[in-house]
């Protein structure tokens, strides 16, 4: 079973977008771009911090 982790390899700030990209099997750059669009709406920054706290780091 696949688990969601913050990435250690595809890491820019905390590895959240890299981990989501690896989990979904898509390029982490696409996840980052989507997250930037959400941040412009005001949702992304809060969501990123919450994901940073909730998602464990890759072992």
Protein backbone atom coordinates (compact mmCIF):
# COMPACT_ATOMS: atom_id res chain seq x y z
CA UNK A 1 0.00 0.00 0.00
CA UNK A 2 1.31 3.42 -1.01
CA UNK A 3 1.66 6.07 1.72
CA UNK A 4 1.88 9.82 1.46
CA UNK A 5 5.14 11.29 2.76
CA UNK A 6 6.94 14.62 2.44
CA UNK A 7 9.71 14.09 -0.07
CA UNK A 8 13.39 14.36 0.82
CA UNK A 9 14.49 14.34 -2.85
CA UNK A 10 11.96 16.74 -4.44
CA UNK A 11 12.16 19.32 -1.71
CA UNK A 12 12.06 23.09 -2.09
CA UNK A 13 10.55 24.29 1.20
CA UNK A 14 9.26 21.30 3.14
CA UNK A 15 8.78 18.59 0.50
CA UNK A 16 4.98 18.70 0.60
CA UNK A 17 4.45 19.26 -3.13
CA UNK A 18 7.22 16.80 -4.02
CA UNK A 19 5.62 14.15 -1.82
CA UNK A 20 2.17 14.73 -3.28
CA UNK A 21 3.61 14.54 -6.78
CA UNK A 22 5.37 11.25 -6.04
CA UNK A 23 2.22 9.84 -4.43
CA UNK A 24 0.01 10.77 -7.39
CA UNK A 25 2.61 9.83 -9.99
CA UNK A 26 2.78 13.30 -11.55
CA UNK A 27 5.57 15.83 -11.94
CA UNK A 28 5.99 17.77 -8.66
CA UNK A 29 6.34 20.98 -10.70
CA UNK A 30 2.68 20.64 -11.74
CA UNK A 31 1.67 20.23 -8.10
CA UNK A 32 3.71 23.33 -7.20
CA UNK A 33 2.06 25.38 -9.94
CA UNK A 34 -1.39 24.32 -8.77
CA UNK A 35 -0.41 25.20 -5.20
CA UNK A 36 0.73 28.68 -6.32
CA UNK A 37 -2.63 29.22 -7.99
CA UNK A 38 -4.38 28.20 -4.78
CA UNK A 39 -2.08 30.52 -2.82
CA UNK A 40 -3.21 33.44 -4.94
CA UNK A 41 -6.73 32.61 -3.76
CA UNK A 42 -5.54 32.63 -0.12
CA UNK A 43 -6.19 28.93 0.43
CA UNK A 44 -2.80 27.53 -0.52
CA UNK A 45 -0.60 29.05 2.18
CA UNK A 46 -2.76 27.84 5.04
CA UNK A 47 -3.18 24.45 3.38
CA UNK A 48 0.58 24.13 2.87
CA UNK A 49 1.32 24.81 6.53
CA UNK A 50 -1.32 22.31 7.62
CA UNK A 51 0.05 19.70 5.18
CA UNK A 52 3.58 20.40 6.44
CA UNK A 53 2.45 19.60 9.99
CA UNK A 54 0.23 16.59 9.17
CA UNK A 55 2.22 14.71 6.47
CA UNK A 56 5.17 12.79 7.93
CA UNK A 57 8.63 13.03 6.39
CA UNK A 58 9.82 10.20 4.18
CA UNK A 59 11.71 7.58 6.24
